[in-house]
């Protein structure tokens, strides 16, 4: 079976405003199995978010190869969900309409999209809040909406870029538990970027199996 994600010798360079070159990633190798949860941790500027951008196809690699399920990434890949650090919700839409937007985009009828949305809203613990707008929700509740928005589309890969970093410790721990519970009911491979500089002892996402890259980036995995 092909790996869900494979990066081989990947380097990513960016031009700076002054005309110089900034190397965000250098000679990176990463492999994620189907259905695996991989948490990538490291300090600011070590290339964690850039790695997600390369996997999703939002950015091309300067050197090396990026494959998703055995196929080279040549643009924005299908079957990938992305949960960002900032809330990516439509402020003018209710919770129900935010979550139903994905199925509608993929061709579902309004009735089908709303039925699926109600199911996922209940799964993330927001039943009864379908008619609320984002400004009426707490930070943790908006993150639940973001999870439902991504998971309702049945992604084969879910990329998460520090999605809980703005939450307080208690809410973050609760959301990590919720994420693991939701992930266990799917077959998605998850790459979760954490702002810590090493695996956190207080994190629910860290596992005993970990790898370290160039003294800067860690990856911890669960299957």
N, C-alpha and C. Protein backbone atom coordinates (compact mmCIF):
# COMPACT_ATOMS: atom_id res chain seq x y z
N UNK A 1 0.84 -1.20 0.00
CA UNK A 1 0.00 0.00 0.00
C UNK A 1 0.88 1.25 0.00
N UNK A 2 0.50 2.22 -0.83
CA UNK A 2 1.28 3.45 -0.92
C UNK A 2 1.17 4.25 0.36
N UNK A 3 2.22 4.98 0.69
CA UNK A 3 2.18 5.89 1.82
C UNK A 3 1.14 6.98 1.55
N UNK A 4 0.51 7.46 2.61
CA UNK A 4 -0.42 8.58 2.46
C UNK A 4 0.34 9.83 2.04
N UNK A 5 1.49 10.07 2.68
CA UNK A 5 2.31 11.25 2.40
C UNK A 5 3.76 10.82 2.40
N UNK A 6 4.50 11.28 1.41
CA UNK A 6 5.93 11.02 1.39
C UNK A 6 6.67 12.23 0.83
N UNK A 7 7.61 12.75 1.62
CA UNK A 7 8.50 13.82 1.18
C UNK A 7 9.91 13.25 1.12
N UNK A 8 10.59 13.44 0.00
CA UNK A 8 11.92 12.89 -0.20
C UNK A 8 12.89 14.00 -0.61
N UNK A 9 13.84 14.28 0.28
CA UNK A 9 14.85 15.28 -0.02
C UNK A 9 14.29 16.64 -0.38
N UNK A 10 13.26 17.06 0.33
CA UNK A 10 12.55 18.30 -0.02
C UNK A 10 13.24 19.54 0.54
N UNK A 11 13.45 20.50 -0.33
CA UNK A 11 13.97 21.81 0.05
C UNK A 11 13.00 22.87 -0.47
N UNK A 12 12.75 23.89 0.35
CA UNK A 12 11.88 24.99 -0.06
C UNK A 12 12.58 26.32 0.21
N UNK A 13 12.71 27.12 -0.84
CA UNK A 13 13.33 28.44 -0.72
C UNK A 13 12.32 29.52 -1.07
N UNK A 14 12.43 30.65 -0.38
CA UNK A 14 11.60 31.82 -0.66
C UNK A 14 12.50 33.02 -0.93
N UNK A 15 12.07 33.87 -1.86
CA UNK A 15 12.77 35.14 -2.06
C UNK A 15 12.33 36.13 -1.00
N UNK A 16 13.27 36.86 -0.44
CA UNK A 16 12.97 37.88 0.57
C UNK A 16 12.74 39.22 -0.12
N UNK A 17 12.09 40.18 0.55
CA UNK A 17 11.87 41.50 -0.05
C UNK A 17 13.16 42.20 -0.46
N UNK A 18 14.26 41.88 0.20
CA UNK A 18 15.54 42.51 -0.14
C UNK A 18 16.24 41.83 -1.32
N UNK A 19 15.62 40.77 -1.84
CA UNK A 19 16.21 40.07 -2.97
C UNK A 19 17.05 38.88 -2.60
N UNK A 20 17.12 38.57 -1.31
CA UNK A 20 17.88 37.41 -0.86
C UNK A 20 17.05 36.14 -0.94
N UNK A 21 17.60 35.06 -0.45
CA UNK A 21 16.93 33.76 -0.46
C UNK A 21 16.85 33.23 0.96
N UNK A 22 15.64 32.85 1.36
CA UNK A 22 15.44 32.26 2.69
C UNK A 22 15.11 30.78 2.51
N UNK A 23 15.86 29.92 3.17
CA UNK A 23 15.64 28.47 3.09
C UNK A 23 14.74 28.05 4.25
N UNK A 24 13.49 27.74 3.94
CA UNK A 24 12.53 27.34 4.98
C UNK A 24 12.68 25.87 5.34
N UNK A 25 12.99 25.04 4.36
CA UNK A 25 13.19 23.60 4.57
C UNK A 25 14.41 23.17 3.77
N UNK A 26 15.17 22.24 4.33
CA UNK A 26 16.35 21.74 3.61
C UNK A 26 16.44 20.22 3.74
N UNK A 27 16.35 19.54 2.60
CA UNK A 27 16.57 18.10 2.53
C UNK A 27 15.70 17.33 3.53
N UNK A 28 14.40 17.62 3.52
CA UNK A 28 13.46 17.01 4.47
C UNK A 28 12.91 15.69 3.93
N UNK A 29 12.94 14.67 4.76
CA UNK A 29 12.29 13.40 4.47
C UNK A 29 11.17 13.19 5.50
N UNK A 30 9.99 12.81 5.03
CA UNK A 30 8.87 12.55 5.93
C UNK A 30 7.97 11.51 5.29
N UNK A 31 7.54 10.54 6.07
CA UNK A 31 6.62 9.51 5.59
C UNK A 31 5.49 9.35 6.59
N UNK A 32 4.25 9.37 6.08
CA UNK A 32 3.06 9.19 6.92
C UNK A 32 2.23 8.08 6.31
N UNK A 33 1.91 7.08 7.13
CA UNK A 33 1.14 5.94 6.67
C UNK A 33 -0.35 6.29 6.58
N UNK A 34 -1.12 5.56 5.77
CA UNK A 34 -2.57 5.75 5.76
C UNK A 34 -3.16 5.54 7.16
N UNK A 35 -4.00 6.44 7.60
CA UNK A 35 -4.63 6.32 8.91
C UNK A 35 -3.75 6.69 10.07
N UNK A 36 -2.56 7.23 9.82
CA UNK A 36 -1.62 7.57 10.88
C UNK A 36 -1.81 9.02 11.33
N UNK A 37 -1.56 9.26 12.61
CA UNK A 37 -1.58 10.62 13.18
C UNK A 37 -0.15 11.04 13.44
N UNK A 38 0.31 12.08 12.77
CA UNK A 38 1.68 12.55 12.90
C UNK A 38 1.66 13.99 13.42
N UNK A 39 2.23 14.19 14.59
CA UNK A 39 2.31 15.53 15.17
C UNK A 39 3.72 16.07 14.94
N UNK A 40 3.82 17.21 14.28
CA UNK A 40 5.11 17.83 13.97
C UNK A 40 5.29 19.04 14.89
N UNK A 41 6.37 19.04 15.66
CA UNK A 41 6.60 20.13 16.60
C UNK A 41 7.99 20.71 16.39
N UNK A 42 8.13 21.99 16.72
CA UNK A 42 9.41 22.66 16.57
C UNK A 42 9.23 24.16 16.74
N UNK A 43 10.32 24.90 16.87
CA UNK A 43 10.24 26.33 17.12
C UNK A 43 9.75 27.10 15.90
N UNK A 44 9.33 28.33 16.12
CA UNK A 44 8.89 29.20 15.04
C UNK A 44 10.00 29.35 14.01
N UNK A 45 9.62 29.24 12.73
CA UNK A 45 10.57 29.44 11.66
C UNK A 45 11.29 28.19 11.19
N UNK A 46 10.96 27.01 11.74
CA UNK A 46 11.68 25.80 11.34
C UNK A 46 11.04 25.10 10.15
N UNK A 47 9.93 25.64 9.63
CA UNK A 47 9.36 25.10 8.41
C UNK A 47 8.15 24.20 8.58
N UNK A 48 7.51 24.22 9.75
CA UNK A 48 6.37 23.34 9.99
C UNK A 48 5.20 23.68 9.06
N UNK A 49 4.81 24.95 9.03
CA UNK A 49 3.69 25.36 8.19
C UNK A 49 4.03 25.22 6.71
N UNK A 50 5.28 25.46 6.35
CA UNK A 50 5.72 25.29 4.96
C UNK A 50 5.54 23.83 4.54
N UNK A 51 5.82 22.90 5.45
CA UNK A 51 5.65 21.48 5.15
C UNK A 51 4.20 21.18 4.79
N UNK A 52 3.25 21.74 5.53
CA UNK A 52 1.84 21.53 5.23
C UNK A 52 1.48 22.14 3.88
N UNK A 53 2.04 23.30 3.58
CA UNK A 53 1.76 23.96 2.31
C UNK A 53 2.24 23.10 1.13
N UNK A 54 3.37 22.43 1.30
CA UNK A 54 3.89 21.57 0.24
C UNK A 54 3.01 20.33 0.06
N UNK A 55 2.56 19.75 1.16
CA UNK A 55 1.72 18.55 1.08
C UNK A 55 0.39 18.88 0.40
N UNK A 56 -0.17 20.02 0.73
CA UNK A 56 -1.48 20.41 0.19
C UNK A 56 -1.41 20.87 -1.26
N UNK A 57 -0.21 21.23 -1.71
CA UNK A 57 -0.07 21.75 -3.06
C UNK A 57 -0.20 23.26 -3.14
N UNK A 58 -0.33 23.93 -1.99
CA UNK A 58 -0.41 25.39 -2.00
C UNK A 58 0.93 26.01 -2.39
N UNK A 59 2.02 25.29 -2.15
CA UNK A 59 3.36 25.74 -2.54
C UNK A 59 4.09 24.58 -3.19
N UNK A 60 4.88 24.85 -4.25
CA UNK A 60 5.69 23.78 -4.84
C UNK A 60 7.04 23.67 -4.12
N UNK A 61 7.61 22.49 -4.12
CA UNK A 61 8.94 22.31 -3.56
C UNK A 61 9.98 22.90 -4.51
N UNK A 62 11.03 23.48 -3.95
CA UNK A 62 12.14 23.97 -4.78
C UNK A 62 12.99 22.81 -5.28
N UNK A 63 13.15 21.80 -4.43
CA UNK A 63 13.86 20.58 -4.78
C UNK A 63 13.18 19.42 -4.08
N UNK A 64 13.39 18.22 -4.61
CA UNK A 64 12.85 17.03 -3.99
C UNK A 64 11.47 16.67 -4.50
N UNK A 65 10.89 15.63 -3.92
CA UNK A 65 9.60 15.10 -4.36
C UNK A 65 8.60 15.07 -3.21
N UNK A 66 7.35 15.44 -3.52
CA UNK A 66 6.24 15.36 -2.57
C UNK A 66 5.16 14.49 -3.21
N UNK A 67 4.86 13.36 -2.59
CA UNK A 67 3.84 12.44 -3.10
C UNK A 67 2.70 12.32 -2.10
N UNK A 68 1.49 12.23 -2.61
CA UNK A 68 0.29 11.96 -1.82
C UNK A 68 -0.36 10.71 -2.39
N UNK A 69 -0.41 9.64 -1.60
CA UNK A 69 -0.92 8.35 -2.02
C UNK A 69 -0.27 7.90 -3.33
N UNK A 70 1.05 8.06 -3.37
CA UNK A 70 1.84 7.54 -4.48
C UNK A 70 1.86 8.41 -5.71
N UNK A 71 1.18 9.55 -5.70
CA UNK A 71 1.15 10.43 -6.87
C UNK A 71 1.83 11.76 -6.55
N UNK A 72 2.66 12.26 -7.47
CA UNK A 72 3.34 13.54 -7.24
C UNK A 72 2.32 14.67 -7.09
N UNK A 73 2.59 15.57 -6.16
CA UNK A 73 1.73 16.74 -5.96
C UNK A 73 2.10 17.78 -7.01
N UNK A 74 1.14 18.12 -7.87
CA UNK A 74 1.35 19.10 -8.93
C UNK A 74 0.28 20.18 -8.89
N UNK A 75 0.01 20.69 -7.73
CA UNK A 75 -1.08 21.65 -7.54
C UNK A 75 -1.89 21.23 -6.34
N UNK A 76 -2.99 21.92 -6.11
CA UNK A 76 -3.82 21.62 -4.94
C UNK A 76 -4.43 20.23 -5.10
N UNK A 77 -4.10 19.35 -4.17
CA UNK A 77 -4.50 17.94 -4.27
C UNK A 77 -5.93 17.74 -3.77
N UNK A 78 -6.63 16.77 -4.37
CA UNK A 78 -7.97 16.41 -3.92
C UNK A 78 -7.88 15.57 -2.64
N UNK A 79 -8.97 15.58 -1.88
CA UNK A 79 -9.06 14.72 -0.71
C UNK A 79 -8.26 15.19 0.49
N UNK A 80 -7.89 16.47 0.51
CA UNK A 80 -7.12 17.02 1.62
C UNK A 80 -7.93 18.11 2.32
N UNK A 81 -8.07 17.99 3.64
CA UNK A 81 -8.70 19.02 4.45
C UNK A 81 -7.62 19.82 5.17
N UNK A 82 -7.90 21.09 5.42
CA UNK A 82 -6.90 21.97 6.05
C UNK A 82 -7.60 22.77 7.14
N UNK A 83 -7.11 22.64 8.37
CA UNK A 83 -7.61 23.44 9.49
C UNK A 83 -6.50 24.41 9.89
N UNK A 84 -6.80 25.71 9.79
CA UNK A 84 -5.79 26.74 10.01
C UNK A 84 -5.79 27.22 11.47
N UNK A 85 -4.73 27.98 11.79
CA UNK A 85 -4.64 28.55 13.12
C UNK A 85 -5.76 29.56 13.35
N UNK A 86 -6.01 30.41 12.35
CA UNK A 86 -7.11 31.37 12.43
C UNK A 86 -8.40 30.71 11.95
N UNK A 87 -9.51 31.16 12.49
CA UNK A 87 -10.80 30.59 12.13
C UNK A 87 -11.11 30.84 10.66
N UNK A 88 -11.31 29.78 9.89
CA UNK A 88 -11.65 29.91 8.48
C UNK A 88 -13.14 29.62 8.30
N UNK A 89 -13.96 30.43 8.96
CA UNK A 89 -15.41 30.28 8.87
C UNK A 89 -16.00 31.52 8.21
N UNK A 90 -17.17 31.35 7.61
CA UNK A 90 -17.85 32.49 6.98
C UNK A 90 -18.60 33.24 8.08
N UNK A 91 -18.23 34.49 8.38
CA UNK A 91 -18.85 35.19 9.50
C UNK A 91 -20.33 35.50 9.28
N UNK A 92 -20.78 35.53 8.02
CA UNK A 92 -22.16 35.86 7.73
C UNK A 92 -23.06 34.62 7.66
N UNK A 93 -22.48 33.44 7.86
CA UNK A 93 -23.26 32.20 7.80
C UNK A 93 -23.41 31.60 9.20
N UNK A 94 -24.51 30.91 9.41
CA UNK A 94 -24.73 30.20 10.67
C UNK A 94 -23.81 28.98 10.74
N UNK A 95 -23.77 28.37 11.91
CA UNK A 95 -22.99 27.13 12.08
C UNK A 95 -23.43 26.09 11.05
N UNK A 96 -24.75 25.92 10.91
CA UNK A 96 -25.28 24.93 9.98
C UNK A 96 -24.82 25.21 8.55
N UNK A 97 -24.94 26.47 8.13
CA UNK A 97 -24.58 26.80 6.75
C UNK A 97 -23.07 26.75 6.54
N UNK A 98 -22.29 27.06 7.55
CA UNK A 98 -20.83 26.93 7.43
C UNK A 98 -20.44 25.48 7.18
N UNK A 99 -21.00 24.57 7.96
CA UNK A 99 -20.62 23.16 7.84
C UNK A 99 -21.19 22.55 6.57
N UNK A 100 -22.34 23.03 6.12
CA UNK A 100 -22.97 22.48 4.91
C UNK A 100 -22.31 22.99 3.63
N UNK A 101 -21.46 24.00 3.72
CA UNK A 101 -20.88 24.61 2.52
C UNK A 101 -20.05 23.61 1.71
N UNK A 102 -19.26 22.77 2.39
CA UNK A 102 -18.42 21.81 1.69
C UNK A 102 -19.21 20.82 0.84
N UNK A 103 -20.18 20.11 1.43
CA UNK A 103 -20.98 19.19 0.62
C UNK A 103 -21.69 19.87 -0.55
N UNK A 104 -22.17 21.10 -0.34
CA UNK A 104 -22.81 21.82 -1.44
C UNK A 104 -21.81 22.04 -2.57
N UNK A 105 -20.61 22.43 -2.22
CA UNK A 105 -19.57 22.67 -3.23
C UNK A 105 -19.28 21.39 -4.02
N UNK A 106 -19.38 20.25 -3.35
CA UNK A 106 -19.11 18.97 -4.01
C UNK A 106 -20.34 18.38 -4.68
N UNK A 107 -21.43 19.14 -4.77
CA UNK A 107 -22.58 18.72 -5.56
C UNK A 107 -23.78 18.19 -4.80
N UNK A 108 -23.75 18.20 -3.48
CA UNK A 108 -24.89 17.71 -2.70
C UNK A 108 -26.05 18.71 -2.80
N UNK A 109 -27.25 18.21 -2.69
CA UNK A 109 -28.41 19.09 -2.65
C UNK A 109 -28.44 19.81 -1.30
N UNK A 110 -29.24 20.86 -1.22
CA UNK A 110 -29.36 21.59 0.05
C UNK A 110 -29.83 20.66 1.17
N UNK A 111 -30.78 19.79 0.85
CA UNK A 111 -31.30 18.87 1.87
C UNK A 111 -30.23 17.90 2.33
N UNK A 112 -29.48 17.33 1.38
CA UNK A 112 -28.41 16.39 1.72
C UNK A 112 -27.31 17.07 2.52
N UNK A 113 -26.93 18.28 2.09
CA UNK A 113 -25.85 19.01 2.75
C UNK A 113 -26.23 19.35 4.19
N UNK A 114 -27.45 19.79 4.39
CA UNK A 114 -27.87 20.16 5.74
C UNK A 114 -28.01 18.94 6.64
N UNK A 115 -28.47 17.82 6.09
CA UNK A 115 -28.58 16.60 6.89
C UNK A 115 -27.19 16.14 7.35
N UNK A 116 -26.24 16.16 6.42
CA UNK A 116 -24.88 15.77 6.78
C UNK A 116 -24.28 16.75 7.78
N UNK A 117 -24.57 18.03 7.59
CA UNK A 117 -24.04 19.06 8.48
C UNK A 117 -24.58 18.88 9.90
N UNK A 118 -25.86 18.59 10.03
CA UNK A 118 -26.45 18.38 11.37
C UNK A 118 -25.78 17.20 12.06
N UNK A 119 -25.49 16.15 11.29
CA UNK A 119 -24.83 14.98 11.86
C UNK A 119 -23.45 15.35 12.40
N UNK A 120 -22.66 16.07 11.60
CA UNK A 120 -21.31 16.42 12.04
C UNK A 120 -21.31 17.47 13.16
N UNK A 121 -22.28 18.36 13.13
CA UNK A 121 -22.40 19.34 14.22
C UNK A 121 -22.65 18.61 15.54
N UNK A 122 -23.48 17.57 15.50
CA UNK A 122 -23.73 16.77 16.70
C UNK A 122 -22.47 16.02 17.12
N UNK A 123 -21.72 15.51 16.15
CA UNK A 123 -20.50 14.74 16.46
C UNK A 123 -19.47 15.60 17.18
N UNK A 124 -19.39 16.88 16.82
CA UNK A 124 -18.40 17.75 17.46
C UNK A 124 -18.96 18.45 18.70
N UNK A 125 -20.16 18.04 19.12
CA UNK A 125 -20.72 18.55 20.38
C UNK A 125 -21.40 19.88 20.31
N UNK A 126 -21.90 20.26 19.12
CA UNK A 126 -22.54 21.57 18.98
C UNK A 126 -24.02 21.47 18.63
N UNK A 127 -24.64 20.32 18.89
CA UNK A 127 -26.08 20.20 18.64
C UNK A 127 -26.82 21.26 19.45
N UNK A 128 -27.74 21.95 18.80
CA UNK A 128 -28.46 23.04 19.43
C UNK A 128 -27.90 24.41 19.10
N UNK A 129 -26.73 24.43 18.45
CA UNK A 129 -26.11 25.70 18.07
C UNK A 129 -26.13 25.91 16.55
N UNK A 130 -26.95 25.15 15.85
CA UNK A 130 -26.96 25.22 14.39
C UNK A 130 -27.28 26.62 13.86
N UNK A 131 -28.10 27.39 14.59
CA UNK A 131 -28.53 28.70 14.09
C UNK A 131 -27.67 29.86 14.60
N UNK A 132 -26.59 29.55 15.30
CA UNK A 132 -25.72 30.61 15.82
C UNK A 132 -24.71 31.05 14.75
N UNK A 133 -24.26 32.30 14.90
CA UNK A 133 -23.23 32.84 14.01
C UNK A 133 -21.88 32.77 14.72
N UNK A 134 -20.77 32.78 13.96
CA UNK A 134 -19.45 32.65 14.58
C UNK A 134 -19.18 33.62 15.72
N UNK A 135 -19.66 34.87 15.60
CA UNK A 135 -19.38 35.84 16.65
C UNK A 135 -20.09 35.50 17.96
N UNK A 136 -21.06 34.60 17.89
CA UNK A 136 -21.80 34.19 19.09
C UNK A 136 -21.17 32.96 19.77
N UNK A 137 -20.07 32.47 19.23
CA UNK A 137 -19.44 31.26 19.75
C UNK A 137 -18.13 31.58 20.44
N UNK A 138 -17.74 30.73 21.37
CA UNK A 138 -16.43 30.84 22.01
C UNK A 138 -15.36 30.35 21.05
N UNK A 139 -14.09 30.57 21.42
CA UNK A 139 -13.00 30.12 20.57
C UNK A 139 -13.00 28.62 20.36
N UNK A 140 -13.24 27.87 21.45
CA UNK A 140 -13.29 26.42 21.34
C UNK A 140 -14.43 25.94 20.46
N UNK A 141 -15.56 26.62 20.54
CA UNK A 141 -16.71 26.23 19.72
C UNK A 141 -16.44 26.51 18.24
N UNK A 142 -15.77 27.62 17.95
CA UNK A 142 -15.42 27.90 16.55
C UNK A 142 -14.46 26.85 16.01
N UNK A 143 -13.56 26.35 16.85
CA UNK A 143 -12.66 25.28 16.40
C UNK A 143 -13.44 24.00 16.11
N UNK A 144 -14.49 23.73 16.88
CA UNK A 144 -15.33 22.57 16.61
C UNK A 144 -16.02 22.72 15.25
N UNK A 145 -16.46 23.94 14.95
CA UNK A 145 -17.07 24.20 13.64
C UNK A 145 -16.04 23.93 12.54
N UNK A 146 -14.80 24.40 12.74
CA UNK A 146 -13.75 24.20 11.74
C UNK A 146 -13.48 22.71 11.52
N UNK A 147 -13.47 21.92 12.61
CA UNK A 147 -13.28 20.48 12.48
C UNK A 147 -14.41 19.85 11.69
N UNK A 148 -15.64 20.24 12.00
CA UNK A 148 -16.80 19.69 11.28
C UNK A 148 -16.74 20.08 9.81
N UNK A 149 -16.33 21.32 9.52
CA UNK A 149 -16.21 21.78 8.14
C UNK A 149 -15.27 20.90 7.33
N UNK A 150 -14.18 20.49 7.94
CA UNK A 150 -13.19 19.68 7.23
C UNK A 150 -13.60 18.21 7.17
N UNK A 151 -14.03 17.65 8.29
CA UNK A 151 -14.30 16.22 8.35
C UNK A 151 -15.56 15.82 7.59
N UNK A 152 -16.49 16.73 7.40
CA UNK A 152 -17.73 16.39 6.69
C UNK A 152 -17.44 15.99 5.24
N UNK A 153 -16.31 16.46 4.71
CA UNK A 153 -15.96 16.16 3.32
C UNK A 153 -15.23 14.83 3.17
N UNK A 154 -15.02 14.12 4.29
CA UNK A 154 -14.36 12.82 4.24
C UNK A 154 -12.95 12.87 3.68
N UNK A 155 -12.09 13.77 4.19
CA UNK A 155 -10.74 13.88 3.64
C UNK A 155 -9.92 12.63 3.91
N UNK A 156 -9.07 12.28 2.95
CA UNK A 156 -8.13 11.17 3.17
C UNK A 156 -6.94 11.65 4.00
N UNK A 157 -6.69 12.96 3.92
CA UNK A 157 -5.60 13.58 4.68
C UNK A 157 -6.14 14.85 5.32
N UNK A 158 -5.84 15.04 6.60
CA UNK A 158 -6.24 16.25 7.31
C UNK A 158 -4.98 16.96 7.81
N UNK A 159 -4.77 18.19 7.33
CA UNK A 159 -3.62 18.99 7.74
C UNK A 159 -4.10 20.04 8.74
N UNK A 160 -3.38 20.17 9.86
CA UNK A 160 -3.81 21.07 10.92
C UNK A 160 -2.63 21.93 11.35
N UNK A 161 -2.75 23.24 11.11
CA UNK A 161 -1.65 24.16 11.36
C UNK A 161 -1.87 24.93 12.66
N UNK A 162 -1.34 24.39 13.76
CA UNK A 162 -1.47 25.01 15.09
C UNK A 162 -2.92 25.44 15.38
N UNK A 163 -3.89 24.57 15.17
CA UNK A 163 -5.29 24.99 15.27
C UNK A 163 -5.74 25.38 16.68
N UNK A 164 -5.06 24.88 17.71
CA UNK A 164 -5.50 25.14 19.08
C UNK A 164 -4.56 26.06 19.84
N UNK A 165 -3.59 26.67 19.17
CA UNK A 165 -2.56 27.44 19.87
C UNK A 165 -3.11 28.68 20.56
N UNK A 166 -4.22 29.23 20.08
CA UNK A 166 -4.78 30.44 20.68
C UNK A 166 -5.72 30.15 21.85
N UNK A 167 -5.96 28.87 22.12
CA UNK A 167 -6.89 28.50 23.19
C UNK A 167 -6.16 28.39 24.52
N UNK A 168 -6.90 28.55 25.61
CA UNK A 168 -6.31 28.35 26.93
C UNK A 168 -5.99 26.88 27.13
N UNK A 169 -5.16 26.58 28.13
CA UNK A 169 -4.64 25.22 28.32
C UNK A 169 -5.77 24.21 28.50
N UNK A 170 -6.78 24.55 29.29
CA UNK A 170 -7.86 23.61 29.56
C UNK A 170 -8.66 23.32 28.29
N UNK A 171 -9.00 24.38 27.54
CA UNK A 171 -9.77 24.19 26.31
C UNK A 171 -8.95 23.46 25.27
N UNK A 172 -7.66 23.76 25.20
CA UNK A 172 -6.78 23.08 24.25
C UNK A 172 -6.74 21.58 24.53
N UNK A 173 -6.60 21.22 25.80
CA UNK A 173 -6.57 19.80 26.17
C UNK A 173 -7.88 19.11 25.80
N UNK A 174 -9.00 19.80 26.03
CA UNK A 174 -10.31 19.25 25.69
C UNK A 174 -10.42 19.04 24.18
N UNK A 175 -9.95 20.03 23.39
CA UNK A 175 -10.04 19.92 21.94
C UNK A 175 -9.12 18.84 21.40
N UNK A 176 -7.96 18.64 22.03
CA UNK A 176 -7.07 17.56 21.60
C UNK A 176 -7.73 16.21 21.80
N UNK A 177 -8.41 16.03 22.94
CA UNK A 177 -9.14 14.79 23.19
C UNK A 177 -10.26 14.60 22.17
N UNK A 178 -10.99 15.68 21.87
CA UNK A 178 -12.07 15.62 20.90
C UNK A 178 -11.53 15.25 19.52
N UNK A 179 -10.39 15.84 19.15
CA UNK A 179 -9.78 15.55 17.86
C UNK A 179 -9.42 14.07 17.74
N UNK A 180 -8.77 13.53 18.77
CA UNK A 180 -8.38 12.12 18.74
C UNK A 180 -9.59 11.21 18.64
N UNK A 181 -10.67 11.57 19.33
CA UNK A 181 -11.89 10.78 19.27
C UNK A 181 -12.49 10.81 17.87
N UNK A 182 -12.53 11.99 17.26
CA UNK A 182 -13.08 12.11 15.91
C UNK A 182 -12.20 11.40 14.90
N UNK A 183 -10.89 11.55 15.05
CA UNK A 183 -9.95 10.91 14.11
C UNK A 183 -10.08 9.39 14.16
N UNK A 184 -10.29 8.84 15.36
CA UNK A 184 -10.37 7.38 15.50
C UNK A 184 -11.58 6.80 14.78
N UNK A 185 -12.58 7.65 14.46
CA UNK A 185 -13.77 7.17 13.76
C UNK A 185 -13.65 7.35 12.25
N UNK A 186 -12.50 7.83 11.79
CA UNK A 186 -12.27 8.02 10.36
C UNK A 186 -11.04 7.20 9.93
N UNK A 187 -10.75 7.22 8.64
CA UNK A 187 -9.55 6.57 8.12
C UNK A 187 -8.52 7.60 7.67
N UNK A 188 -8.70 8.85 8.08
CA UNK A 188 -7.84 9.93 7.60
C UNK A 188 -6.45 9.86 8.21
N UNK A 189 -5.46 10.26 7.42
CA UNK A 189 -4.12 10.51 7.93
C UNK A 189 -4.07 11.97 8.36
N UNK A 190 -3.50 12.22 9.53
CA UNK A 190 -3.46 13.58 10.08
C UNK A 190 -2.02 14.03 10.27
N UNK A 191 -1.73 15.24 9.81
CA UNK A 191 -0.46 15.89 10.14
C UNK A 191 -0.82 17.13 10.95
N UNK A 192 -0.43 17.11 12.22
CA UNK A 192 -0.82 18.15 13.18
C UNK A 192 0.42 18.95 13.57
N UNK A 193 0.44 20.23 13.25
CA UNK A 193 1.56 21.10 13.60
C UNK A 193 1.30 21.72 14.96
N UNK A 194 2.29 21.57 15.86
CA UNK A 194 2.21 22.10 17.22
C UNK A 194 3.32 23.12 17.41
N UNK A 195 3.06 24.24 18.08
CA UNK A 195 4.09 25.27 18.24
C UNK A 195 5.15 24.96 19.27
N UNK A 196 5.04 23.82 19.98
CA UNK A 196 6.04 23.48 21.00
C UNK A 196 7.39 23.22 20.34
N UNK A 197 8.45 23.34 21.11
CA UNK A 197 9.79 23.08 20.60
C UNK A 197 10.23 21.64 20.81
N UNK A 198 9.43 20.87 21.55
CA UNK A 198 9.66 19.44 21.74
C UNK A 198 8.32 18.84 22.14
N UNK A 199 8.16 17.52 22.07
CA UNK A 199 6.90 16.91 22.49
C UNK A 199 6.50 17.34 23.90
N UNK A 200 5.25 17.87 24.04
CA UNK A 200 4.81 18.41 25.32
C UNK A 200 4.31 17.31 26.23
N UNK A 201 4.71 17.39 27.51
CA UNK A 201 4.26 16.39 28.48
C UNK A 201 2.78 16.53 28.78
N UNK A 202 2.21 17.74 28.53
CA UNK A 202 0.80 17.97 28.83
C UNK A 202 -0.08 17.73 27.62
N UNK A 203 0.52 17.33 26.48
CA UNK A 203 -0.26 17.16 25.27
C UNK A 203 -0.86 15.77 25.19
N UNK A 204 -2.10 15.69 24.73
CA UNK A 204 -2.75 14.42 24.51
C UNK A 204 -2.37 13.81 23.16
N UNK A 205 -1.62 14.57 22.34
CA UNK A 205 -1.32 14.14 20.98
C UNK A 205 0.04 13.48 20.85
N UNK A 206 0.88 13.57 21.88
CA UNK A 206 2.23 13.02 21.78
C UNK A 206 2.22 11.52 22.08
N UNK A 207 3.02 10.79 21.32
CA UNK A 207 3.13 9.35 21.52
C UNK A 207 4.57 9.00 21.82
N UNK A 208 4.86 7.78 22.31
CA UNK A 208 6.23 7.41 22.63
C UNK A 208 7.13 7.34 21.41
N UNK A 209 6.54 7.17 20.20
CA UNK A 209 7.34 7.00 19.00
C UNK A 209 7.57 8.37 18.35
N UNK A 210 8.82 8.83 18.30
CA UNK A 210 9.08 10.16 17.76
C UNK A 210 10.40 10.17 17.01
N UNK A 211 10.50 11.15 16.08
CA UNK A 211 11.74 11.34 15.34
C UNK A 211 12.09 12.82 15.39
N UNK A 212 13.38 13.10 15.25
CA UNK A 212 13.81 14.48 15.32
C UNK A 212 14.63 14.79 14.07
N UNK A 213 14.43 15.98 13.52
CA UNK A 213 15.09 16.36 12.28
C UNK A 213 15.97 17.59 12.51
N UNK A 214 17.26 17.45 12.29
CA UNK A 214 18.21 18.56 12.33
C UNK A 214 18.15 19.36 13.62
N UNK A 215 17.75 18.72 14.71
CA UNK A 215 17.70 19.42 15.99
C UNK A 215 16.63 20.48 16.07
N UNK A 216 15.71 20.49 15.09
CA UNK A 216 14.74 21.58 15.05
C UNK A 216 13.30 21.09 15.04
N UNK A 217 13.00 20.07 14.28
CA UNK A 217 11.63 19.65 14.11
C UNK A 217 11.44 18.22 14.58
N UNK A 218 10.41 18.01 15.38
CA UNK A 218 10.07 16.68 15.84
C UNK A 218 8.81 16.20 15.13
N UNK A 219 8.67 14.90 14.99
CA UNK A 219 7.41 14.31 14.52
C UNK A 219 7.06 13.20 15.47
N UNK A 220 5.88 13.25 16.07
CA UNK A 220 5.41 12.16 16.92
C UNK A 220 4.22 11.52 16.24
N UNK A 221 4.11 10.20 16.36
CA UNK A 221 3.12 9.48 15.57
C UNK A 221 2.28 8.56 16.44
N UNK A 222 1.03 8.40 16.00
CA UNK A 222 0.14 7.40 16.57
C UNK A 222 -0.53 6.71 15.41
N UNK A 223 -0.84 5.43 15.57
CA UNK A 223 -1.55 4.69 14.52
C UNK A 223 -2.80 4.05 15.11
